[in-house]
């Protein structure tokens, strides 16, 4: 619950920065700093997934993602590893290793 709430607080901050309305009053827990582990492989997979979408939808945003200085949100702690075993890919469900 703490991880999900912390993630949603981050979403709310980003939404506000972009001028969107986000009702943070619906978040279950008060704001606090929690770290969520994510594998480097999963981050790379997610980035490529986003790039595929942007090729079709928003070429200007796609150009922004070509920068080598893409930063991970502070809530995430990057650890070694591949795509997560629960991820559904174009080839089906991934398996560890």
PDB file of N, CA and C in Angstrom:
ATOM      1  N   UNK A   1       0.819  -1.189   0.000  1.00  0.00           N
ATOM      2  CA  UNK A   1       0.000   0.000   0.000  1.00  0.00           C
ATOM      3  C   UNK A   1       0.870   1.263   0.000  1.00  0.00           C
ATOM      4  N   UNK A   2       1.955   1.212   0.780  1.00  0.00           N
ATOM      5  CA  UNK A   2       2.842   2.376   0.856  1.00  0.00           C
ATOM      6  C   UNK A   2       3.508   2.656  -0.491  1.00  0.00           C
ATOM      7  N   UNK A   3       3.918   1.600  -1.192  1.00  0.00           N
ATOM      8  CA  UNK A   3       4.567   1.783  -2.500  1.00  0.00           C
ATOM      9  C   UNK A   3       3.602   2.364  -3.520  1.00  0.00           C
ATOM     10  N   UNK A   4       2.392   1.844  -3.554  1.00  0.00           N
ATOM     11  CA  UNK A   4       1.397   2.344  -4.508  1.00  0.00           C
ATOM     12  C   UNK A   4       1.058   3.796  -4.197  1.00  0.00           C
ATOM     13  N   UNK A   5       0.854   4.097  -2.929  1.00  0.00           N
ATOM     14  CA  UNK A   5       0.543   5.472  -2.543  1.00  0.00           C
ATOM     15  C   UNK A   5       1.682   6.415  -2.899  1.00  0.00           C
ATOM     16  N   UNK A   6       2.900   5.986  -2.640  1.00  0.00           N
ATOM     17  CA  UNK A   6       4.062   6.819  -2.958  1.00  0.00           C
ATOM     18  C   UNK A   6       4.153   7.058  -4.461  1.00  0.00           C
ATOM     19  N   UNK A   7       3.915   6.013  -5.231  1.00  0.00           N
ATOM     20  CA  UNK A   7       3.923   6.145  -6.695  1.00  0.00           C
ATOM     21  C   UNK A   7       2.854   7.151  -7.140  1.00  0.00           C
ATOM     22  N   UNK A   8       1.656   7.044  -6.567  1.00  0.00           N
ATOM     23  CA  UNK A   8       0.572   7.957  -6.948  1.00  0.00           C
ATOM     24  C   UNK A   8       0.876   9.400  -6.560  1.00  0.00           C
ATOM     25  N   UNK A   9       1.574   9.614  -5.442  1.00  0.00           N
ATOM     26  CA  UNK A   9       1.986  10.975  -5.093  1.00  0.00           C
ATOM     27  C   UNK A   9       2.906  11.523  -6.174  1.00  0.00           C
ATOM     28  N   UNK A  10       3.810  10.678  -6.699  1.00  0.00           N
ATOM     29  CA  UNK A  10       4.690  11.099  -7.789  1.00  0.00           C
ATOM     30  C   UNK A  10       3.910  11.415  -9.056  1.00  0.00           C
ATOM     31  N   UNK A  11       2.901  10.587  -9.362  1.00  0.00           N
ATOM     32  CA  UNK A  11       2.042  10.845 -10.522  1.00  0.00           C
ATOM     33  C   UNK A  11       1.332  12.185 -10.345  1.00  0.00           C
ATOM     34  N   UNK A  12       0.843  12.430  -9.145  1.00  0.00           N
ATOM     35  CA  UNK A  12       0.158  13.689  -8.863  1.00  0.00           C
ATOM     36  C   UNK A  12       1.060  14.898  -9.038  1.00  0.00           C
ATOM     37  N   UNK A  13       2.301  14.787  -8.583  1.00  0.00           N
ATOM     38  CA  UNK A  13       3.253  15.890  -8.752  1.00  0.00           C
ATOM     39  C   UNK A  13       3.521  16.164 -10.232  1.00  0.00           C
ATOM     40  N   UNK A  14       3.700  15.094 -10.996  1.00  0.00           N
ATOM     41  CA  UNK A  14       3.951  15.247 -12.430  1.00  0.00           C
ATOM     42  C   UNK A  14       2.721  15.818 -13.132  1.00  0.00           C
ATOM     43  N   UNK A  15       1.538  15.362 -12.744  1.00  0.00           N
ATOM     44  CA  UNK A  15       0.304  15.881 -13.338  1.00  0.00           C
ATOM     45  C   UNK A  15       0.173  17.380 -13.079  1.00  0.00           C
ATOM     46  N   UNK A  16       0.445  17.797 -11.863  1.00  0.00           N
ATOM     47  CA  UNK A  16       0.381  19.225 -11.527  1.00  0.00           C
ATOM     48  C   UNK A  16       1.392  20.028 -12.339  1.00  0.00           C
ATOM     49  N   UNK A  17       2.598  19.492 -12.480  1.00  0.00           N
ATOM     50  CA  UNK A  17       3.635  20.186 -13.243  1.00  0.00           C
ATOM     51  C   UNK A  17       3.227  20.360 -14.708  1.00  0.00           C
ATOM     52  N   UNK A  18       2.412  19.423 -15.206  1.00  0.00           N
ATOM     53  CA  UNK A  18       1.968  19.486 -16.608  1.00  0.00           C
ATOM     54  C   UNK A  18       0.619  20.191 -16.770  1.00  0.00           C
ATOM     55  N   UNK A  19       0.065  20.685 -15.665  1.00  0.00           N
ATOM     56  CA  UNK A  19      -1.178  21.431 -15.742  1.00  0.00           C
ATOM     57  C   UNK A  19      -2.444  20.588 -15.712  1.00  0.00           C
ATOM     58  N   UNK A  20      -2.333  19.323 -15.316  1.00  0.00           N
ATOM     59  CA  UNK A  20      -3.506  18.446 -15.222  1.00  0.00           C
ATOM     60  C   UNK A  20      -4.086  18.494 -13.826  1.00  0.00           C
ATOM     61  N   UNK A  21      -5.359  18.192 -13.707  1.00  0.00           N
ATOM     62  CA  UNK A  21      -5.999  18.063 -12.399  1.00  0.00           C
ATOM     63  C   UNK A  21      -5.816  16.638 -11.911  1.00  0.00           C
ATOM     64  N   UNK A  22      -5.401  16.495 -10.673  1.00  0.00           N
ATOM     65  CA  UNK A  22      -5.196  15.181 -10.066  1.00  0.00           C
ATOM     66  C   UNK A  22      -5.651  15.286  -8.622  1.00  0.00           C
ATOM     67  N   UNK A  23      -6.636  14.509  -8.235  1.00  0.00           N
ATOM     68  CA  UNK A  23      -7.190  14.568  -6.887  1.00  0.00           C
ATOM     69  C   UNK A  23      -6.365  13.690  -5.952  1.00  0.00           C
ATOM     70  N   UNK A  24      -5.335  14.268  -5.351  1.00  0.00           N
ATOM     71  CA  UNK A  24      -4.471  13.507  -4.450  1.00  0.00           C
ATOM     72  C   UNK A  24      -5.180  13.153  -3.141  1.00  0.00           C
ATOM     73  N   UNK A  25      -6.343  13.738  -2.895  1.00  0.00           N
ATOM     74  CA  UNK A  25      -7.116  13.401  -1.702  1.00  0.00           C
ATOM     75  C   UNK A  25      -7.614  11.972  -1.703  1.00  0.00           C
ATOM     76  N   UNK A  26      -7.587  11.322  -2.855  1.00  0.00           N
ATOM     77  CA  UNK A  26      -8.039   9.931  -2.957  1.00  0.00           C
ATOM     78  C   UNK A  26      -6.918   8.922  -2.710  1.00  0.00           C
ATOM     79  N   UNK A  27      -5.706   9.400  -2.519  1.00  0.00           N
ATOM     80  CA  UNK A  27      -4.584   8.489  -2.255  1.00  0.00           C
ATOM     81  C   UNK A  27      -4.697   7.972  -0.833  1.00  0.00           C
ATOM     82  N   UNK A  28      -4.541   6.670  -0.676  1.00  0.00           N
ATOM     83  CA  UNK A  28      -4.822   6.000   0.604  1.00  0.00           C
ATOM     84  C   UNK A  28      -3.938   6.453   1.756  1.00  0.00           C
ATOM     85  N   UNK A  29      -2.682   6.717   1.490  1.00  0.00           N
ATOM     86  CA  UNK A  29      -1.761   7.049   2.576  1.00  0.00           C
ATOM     87  C   UNK A  29      -1.178   8.443   2.380  1.00  0.00           C
ATOM     88  N   UNK A  30      -0.731   9.028   3.471  1.00  0.00           N
ATOM     89  CA  UNK A  30      -0.113  10.343   3.384  1.00  0.00           C
ATOM     90  C   UNK A  30       1.195  10.248   2.617  1.00  0.00           C
ATOM     91  N   UNK A  31       1.665  11.385   2.158  1.00  0.00           N
ATOM     92  CA  UNK A  31       2.885  11.433   1.349  1.00  0.00           C
ATOM     93  C   UNK A  31       4.097  11.067   2.197  1.00  0.00           C
ATOM     94  N   UNK A  32       4.877  10.128   1.681  1.00  0.00           N
ATOM     95  CA  UNK A  32       6.147   9.785   2.306  1.00  0.00           C
ATOM     96  C   UNK A  32       7.038   9.153   1.252  1.00  0.00           C
ATOM     97  N   UNK A  33       8.324   9.148   1.518  1.00  0.00           N
ATOM     98  CA  UNK A  33       9.298   8.655   0.543  1.00  0.00           C
ATOM     99  C   UNK A  33       9.431   7.142   0.680  1.00  0.00           C
ATOM    100  N   UNK A  34       9.083   6.437  -0.378  1.00  0.00           N
ATOM    101  CA  UNK A  34       9.239   4.991  -0.444  1.00  0.00           C
ATOM    102  C   UNK A  34       9.994   4.675  -1.726  1.00  0.00           C
ATOM    103  N   UNK A  35      10.844   3.696  -1.681  1.00  0.00           N
ATOM    104  CA  UNK A  35      11.630   3.308  -2.845  1.00  0.00           C
ATOM    105  C   UNK A  35      11.065   2.010  -3.429  1.00  0.00           C
ATOM    106  N   UNK A  36      10.921   1.973  -4.751  1.00  0.00           N
ATOM    107  CA  UNK A  36      10.435   0.788  -5.445  1.00  0.00           C
ATOM    108  C   UNK A  36      11.565   0.278  -6.337  1.00  0.00           C
ATOM    109  N   UNK A  37      11.946  -0.983  -6.164  1.00  0.00           N
ATOM    110  CA  UNK A  37      12.997  -1.572  -6.995  1.00  0.00           C
ATOM    111  C   UNK A  37      12.458  -1.859  -8.394  1.00  0.00           C
ATOM    112  N   UNK A  38      13.276  -1.577  -9.398  1.00  0.00           N
ATOM    113  CA  UNK A  38      12.937  -1.886 -10.785  1.00  0.00           C
ATOM    114  C   UNK A  38      14.224  -2.335 -11.474  1.00  0.00           C
ATOM    115  N   UNK A  39      14.104  -3.369 -12.305  1.00  0.00           N
ATOM    116  CA  UNK A  39      15.298  -3.862 -12.991  1.00  0.00           C
ATOM    117  C   UNK A  39      15.641  -2.962 -14.170  1.00  0.00           C
ATOM    118  N   UNK A  40      16.938  -2.896 -14.464  1.00  0.00           N
ATOM    119  CA  UNK A  40      17.395  -2.109 -15.609  1.00  0.00           C
ATOM    120  C   UNK A  40      16.757  -2.628 -16.894  1.00  0.00           C
ATOM    121  N   UNK A  41      16.604  -3.937 -17.013  1.00  0.00           N
ATOM    122  CA  UNK A  41      15.981  -4.526 -18.194  1.00  0.00           C
ATOM    123  C   UNK A  41      14.525  -4.128 -18.353  1.00  0.00           C
ATOM    124  N   UNK A  42      13.802  -4.040 -17.243  1.00  0.00           N
ATOM    125  CA  UNK A  42      12.404  -3.629 -17.304  1.00  0.00           C
ATOM    126  C   UNK A  42      12.298  -2.173 -17.732  1.00  0.00           C
ATOM    127  N   UNK A  43      13.184  -1.322 -17.200  1.00  0.00           N
ATOM    128  CA  UNK A  43      13.174   0.082 -17.605  1.00  0.00           C
ATOM    129  C   UNK A  43      13.441   0.227 -19.095  1.00  0.00           C
ATOM    130  N   UNK A  44      14.407  -0.522 -19.605  1.00  0.00           N
ATOM    131  CA  UNK A  44      14.722  -0.469 -21.033  1.00  0.00           C
ATOM    132  C   UNK A  44      13.526  -0.954 -21.861  1.00  0.00           C
ATOM    133  N   UNK A  45      12.878  -2.019 -21.400  1.00  0.00           N
ATOM    134  CA  UNK A  45      11.701  -2.538 -22.093  1.00  0.00           C
ATOM    135  C   UNK A  45      10.599  -1.474 -22.141  1.00  0.00           C
ATOM    136  N   UNK A  46      10.348  -0.822 -21.008  1.00  0.00           N
ATOM    137  CA  UNK A  46       9.304   0.202 -20.935  1.00  0.00           C
ATOM    138  C   UNK A  46       9.633   1.388 -21.833  1.00  0.00           C
ATOM    139  N   UNK A  47      10.895   1.783 -21.877  1.00  0.00           N
ATOM    140  CA  UNK A  47      11.316   2.898 -22.716  1.00  0.00           C
ATOM    141  C   UNK A  47      11.100   2.564 -24.192  1.00  0.00           C
ATOM    142  N   UNK A  48      11.459   1.362 -24.591  1.00  0.00           N
ATOM    143  CA  UNK A  48      11.258   0.974 -25.991  1.00  0.00           C
ATOM    144  C   UNK A  48       9.766   0.876 -26.324  1.00  0.00           C
ATOM    145  N   UNK A  49       8.981   0.400 -25.384  1.00  0.00           N
ATOM    146  CA  UNK A  49       7.524   0.334 -25.573  1.00  0.00           C
ATOM    147  C   UNK A  49       6.953   1.741 -25.803  1.00  0.00           C
ATOM    148  N   UNK A  50       7.408   2.693 -25.000  1.00  0.00           N
ATOM    149  CA  UNK A  50       6.973   4.078 -25.156  1.00  0.00           C
ATOM    150  C   UNK A  50       7.416   4.637 -26.502  1.00  0.00           C
ATOM    151  N   UNK A  51       8.643   4.353 -26.897  1.00  0.00           N
ATOM    152  CA  UNK A  51       9.135   4.838 -28.194  1.00  0.00           C
ATOM    153  C   UNK A  51       8.290   4.310 -29.351  1.00  0.00           C
ATOM    154  N   UNK A  52       7.899   3.031 -29.280  1.00  0.00           N
ATOM    155  CA  UNK A  52       7.052   2.462 -30.343  1.00  0.00           C
ATOM    156  C   UNK A  52       5.725   3.214 -30.435  1.00  0.00           C
ATOM    157  N   UNK A  53       5.143   3.517 -29.291  1.00  0.00           N
ATOM    158  CA  UNK A  53       3.882   4.268 -29.283  1.00  0.00           C
ATOM    159  C   UNK A  53       4.065   5.667 -29.868  1.00  0.00           C
ATOM    160  N   UNK A  54       5.148   6.335 -29.458  1.00  0.00           N
ATOM    161  CA  UNK A  54       5.368   7.704 -29.903  1.00  0.00           C
ATOM    162  C   UNK A  54       5.702   7.801 -31.387  1.00  0.00           C
ATOM    163  N   UNK A  55       6.275   6.753 -31.968  1.00  0.00           N
ATOM    164  CA  UNK A  55       6.525   6.757 -33.421  1.00  0.00           C
ATOM    165  C   UNK A  55       5.227   6.975 -34.184  1.00  0.00           C
ATOM    166  N   UNK A  56       4.142   6.454 -33.639  1.00  0.00           N
ATOM    167  CA  UNK A  56       2.832   6.568 -34.286  1.00  0.00           C
ATOM    168  C   UNK A  56       2.085   7.842 -33.862  1.00  0.00           C
ATOM    169  N   UNK A  57       2.316   8.300 -32.631  1.00  0.00           N
ATOM    170  CA  UNK A  57       1.461   9.335 -32.049  1.00  0.00           C
ATOM    171  C   UNK A  57       2.072  10.722 -31.930  1.00  0.00           C
ATOM    172  N   UNK A  58       3.379  10.804 -31.663  1.00  0.00           N
ATOM    173  CA  UNK A  58       3.952  12.110 -31.334  1.00  0.00           C
ATOM    174  C   UNK A  58       5.454  12.119 -31.614  1.00  0.00           C
ATOM    175  N   UNK A  59       5.822  12.446 -32.850  1.00  0.00           N
ATOM    176  CA  UNK A  59       7.230  12.429 -33.257  1.00  0.00           C
ATOM    177  C   UNK A  59       8.084  13.424 -32.479  1.00  0.00           C
ATOM    178  N   UNK A  60       7.500  14.554 -32.082  1.00  0.00           N
ATOM    179  CA  UNK A  60       8.274  15.546 -31.311  1.00  0.00           C
ATOM    180  C   UNK A  60       8.685  14.971 -29.959  1.00  0.00           C
ATOM    181  N   UNK A  61       7.777  14.303 -29.285  1.00  0.00           N
ATOM    182  CA  UNK A  61       8.109  13.668 -27.995  1.00  0.00           C
ATOM    183  C   UNK A  61       9.127  12.546 -28.195  1.00  0.00           C
ATOM    184  N   UNK A  62       8.994  11.825 -29.298  1.00  0.00           N
ATOM    185  CA  UNK A  62       9.944  10.762 -29.595  1.00  0.00           C
ATOM    186  C   UNK A  62      11.361  11.323 -29.697  1.00  0.00           C
ATOM    187  N   UNK A  63      11.519  12.468 -30.341  1.00  0.00           N
ATOM    188  CA  UNK A  63      12.843  13.085 -30.457  1.00  0.00           C
ATOM    189  C   UNK A  63      13.421  13.422 -29.074  1.00  0.00           C
ATOM    190  N   UNK A  64      12.561  13.826 -28.148  1.00  0.00           N
ATOM    191  CA  UNK A  64      13.030  14.120 -26.788  1.00  0.00           C
ATOM    192  C   UNK A  64      13.604  12.876 -26.113  1.00  0.00           C
ATOM    193  N   UNK A  65      13.073  11.711 -26.450  1.00  0.00           N
ATOM    194  CA  UNK A  65      13.524  10.467 -25.818  1.00  0.00           C
ATOM    195  C   UNK A  65      14.805   9.920 -26.422  1.00  0.00           C
ATOM    196  N   UNK A  66      15.346  10.590 -27.406  1.00  0.00           N
ATOM    197  CA  UNK A  66      16.616  10.155 -27.990  1.00  0.00           C
ATOM    198  C   UNK A  66      17.798  10.647 -27.166  1.00  0.00           C
ATOM    199  N   UNK A  67      17.524  11.517 -26.223  1.00  0.00           N
ATOM    200  CA  UNK A  67      18.582  12.052 -25.363  1.00  0.00           C
ATOM    201  C   UNK A  67      19.177  10.937 -24.509  1.00  0.00           C
ATOM    202  N   UNK A  68      20.511  10.916 -24.362  1.00  0.00           N
ATOM    203  CA  UNK A  68      21.130   9.912 -23.486  1.00  0.00           C
ATOM    204  C   UNK A  68      20.910  10.237 -22.007  1.00  0.00           C
ATOM    205  N   UNK A  69      20.354  11.416 -21.716  1.00  0.00           N
ATOM    206  CA  UNK A  69      20.169  11.867 -20.329  1.00  0.00           C
ATOM    207  C   UNK A  69      18.733  11.640 -19.854  1.00  0.00           C
ATOM    208  N   UNK A  70      18.209  10.448 -20.058  1.00  0.00           N
ATOM    209  CA  UNK A  70      16.866  10.131 -19.575  1.00  0.00           C
ATOM    210  C   UNK A  70      17.009   9.667 -18.130  1.00  0.00           C
ATOM    211  N   UNK A  71      16.287  10.328 -17.243  1.00  0.00           N
ATOM    212  CA  UNK A  71      16.406  10.033 -15.821  1.00  0.00           C
ATOM    213  C   UNK A  71      15.208   9.223 -15.333  1.00  0.00           C
ATOM    214  N   UNK A  72      15.469   8.332 -14.425  1.00  0.00           N
ATOM    215  CA  UNK A  72      14.427   7.539 -13.786  1.00  0.00           C
ATOM    216  C   UNK A  72      13.810   8.372 -12.670  1.00  0.00           C
ATOM    217  N   UNK A  73      12.514   8.254 -12.484  1.00  0.00           N
ATOM    218  CA  UNK A  73      11.850   8.976 -11.393  1.00  0.00           C
ATOM    219  C   UNK A  73      12.499   8.569 -10.072  1.00  0.00           C
ATOM    220  N   UNK A  74      12.660   9.523  -9.152  1.00  0.00           N
ATOM    221  CA  UNK A  74      13.344   9.240  -7.879  1.00  0.00           C
ATOM    222  C   UNK A  74      12.712   8.136  -7.034  1.00  0.00           C
ATOM    223  N   UNK A  75      11.451   7.811  -7.270  1.00  0.00           N
ATOM    224  CA  UNK A  75      10.815   6.751  -6.483  1.00  0.00           C
ATOM    225  C   UNK A  75      11.412   5.383  -6.803  1.00  0.00           C
ATOM    226  N   UNK A  76      11.998   5.249  -8.005  1.00  0.00           N
ATOM    227  CA  UNK A  76      12.531   3.954  -8.423  1.00  0.00           C
ATOM    228  C   UNK A  76      14.004   3.808  -8.080  1.00  0.00           C
ATOM    229  N   UNK A  77      14.349   2.638  -7.573  1.00  0.00           N
ATOM    230  CA  UNK A  77      15.738   2.269  -7.298  1.00  0.00           C
ATOM    231  C   UNK A  77      16.099   1.202  -8.325  1.00  0.00           C
ATOM    232  N   UNK A  78      17.002   1.533  -9.248  1.00  0.00           N
ATOM    233  CA  UNK A  78      17.350   0.630 -10.346  1.00  0.00           C
ATOM    234  C   UNK A  78      18.309  -0.450  -9.854  1.00  0.00           C
ATOM    235  N   UNK A  79      17.945  -1.709 -10.142  1.00  0.00           N
ATOM    236  CA  UNK A  79      18.782  -2.850  -9.790  1.00  0.00           C
ATOM    237  C   UNK A  79      19.092  -3.633 -11.065  1.00  0.00           C
ATOM    238  N   UNK A  80      20.113  -4.459 -11.010  1.00  0.00           N
ATOM    239  CA  UNK A  80      20.467  -5.271 -12.168  1.00  0.00           C
ATOM    240  C   UNK A  80      19.354  -6.286 -12.445  1.00  0.00           C
ATOM    241  N   UNK A  81      19.210  -6.628 -13.710  1.00  0.00           N
ATOM    242  CA  UNK A  81      18.242  -7.653 -14.075  1.00  0.00           C
ATOM    243  C   UNK A  81      17.608  -7.360 -15.414  1.00  0.00           C
ATOM    244  N   UNK A  82      16.940  -8.367 -15.932  1.00  0.00           N
ATOM    245  CA  UNK A  82      16.292  -8.262 -17.228  1.00  0.00           C
ATOM    246  C   UNK A  82      14.847  -7.824 -17.107  1.00  0.00           C
ATOM    247  N   UNK A  83      14.097  -8.117 -18.156  1.00  0.00           N
ATOM    248  CA  UNK A  83      12.664  -7.828 -18.157  1.00  0.00           C
ATOM    249  C   UNK A  83      12.024  -8.720 -17.097  1.00  0.00           C
ATOM    250  N   UNK A  84      11.092  -8.177 -16.356  1.00  0.00           N
ATOM    251  CA  UNK A  84      10.446  -8.917 -15.273  1.00  0.00           C
ATOM    252  C   UNK A  84       9.686 -10.137 -15.796  1.00  0.00           C
ATOM    253  N   UNK A  85       9.627 -11.179 -14.978  1.00  0.00           N
ATOM    254  CA  UNK A  85       8.981 -12.433 -15.376  1.00  0.00           C
ATOM    255  C   UNK A  85       7.475 -12.269 -15.592  1.00  0.00           C
ATOM    256  N   UNK A  86       6.867 -11.251 -15.006  1.00  0.00           N
ATOM    257  CA  UNK A  86       5.423 -11.051 -15.144  1.00  0.00           C
ATOM    258  C   UNK A  86       5.056 -10.260 -16.397  1.00  0.00           C
ATOM    259  N   UNK A  87       6.060  -9.698 -17.063  1.00  0.00           N
ATOM    260  CA  UNK A  87       5.791  -8.833 -18.221  1.00  0.00           C
ATOM    261  C   UNK A  87       5.271  -9.644 -19.410  1.00  0.00           C
ATOM    262  N   UNK A  88       4.233  -9.128 -20.047  1.00  0.00           N
ATOM    263  CA  UNK A  88       3.727  -9.729 -21.269  1.00  0.00           C
ATOM    264  C   UNK A  88       4.344  -8.973 -22.433  1.00  0.00           C
ATOM    265  N   UNK A  89       5.092  -9.679 -23.265  1.00  0.00           N
ATOM    266  CA  UNK A  89       5.775  -9.063 -24.388  1.00  0.00           C
ATOM    267  C   UNK A  89       5.114  -9.508 -25.685  1.00  0.00           C
ATOM    268  N   UNK A  90       5.613  -9.006 -26.790  1.00  0.00           N
ATOM    269  CA  UNK A  90       5.091  -9.420 -28.094  1.00  0.00           C
ATOM    270  C   UNK A  90       5.266 -10.915 -28.312  1.00  0.00           C
ATOM    271  N   UNK A  91       6.268 -11.496 -27.683  1.00  0.00           N
ATOM    272  CA  UNK A  91       6.529 -12.914 -27.840  1.00  0.00           C
ATOM    273  C   UNK A  91       5.751 -13.762 -26.831  1.00  0.00           C
ATOM    274  N   UNK A  92       4.986 -13.125 -25.963  1.00  0.00           N
ATOM    275  CA  UNK A  92       4.258 -13.852 -24.924  1.00  0.00           C
ATOM    276  C   UNK A  92       4.764 -13.451 -23.565  1.00  0.00           C
ATOM    277  N   UNK A  93       4.526 -14.263 -22.594  1.00  0.00           N
ATOM    278  CA  UNK A  93       4.965 -13.971 -21.232  1.00  0.00           C
ATOM    279  C   UNK A  93       6.449 -14.283 -21.122  1.00  0.00           C
ATOM    280  N   UNK A  94       7.219 -13.351 -20.558  1.00  0.00           N
ATOM    281  CA  UNK A  94       8.663 -13.558 -20.417  1.00  0.00           C
ATOM    282  C   UNK A  94       8.949 -14.521 -19.292  1.00  0.00           C
ATOM    283  N   UNK A  95      10.079 -15.097 -19.329  1.00  0.00           N
ATOM    284  CA  UNK A  95      10.538 -16.015 -18.278  1.00  0.00           C
ATOM    285  C   UNK A  95      11.894 -15.537 -17.782  1.00  0.00           C
ATOM    286  N   UNK A  96      12.164 -15.690 -16.497  1.00  0.00           N
ATOM    287  CA  UNK A  96      13.466 -15.256 -15.970  1.00  0.00           C
ATOM    288  C   UNK A  96      14.600 -16.007 -16.640  1.00  0.00           C
ATOM    289  N   UNK A  97      15.747 -15.318 -16.715  1.00  0.00           N
ATOM    290  CA  UNK A  97      16.943 -15.965 -17.195  1.00  0.00           C
ATOM    291  C   UNK A  97      17.058 -15.907 -18.643  1.00  0.00           C
TER     292      UNK A  97
END
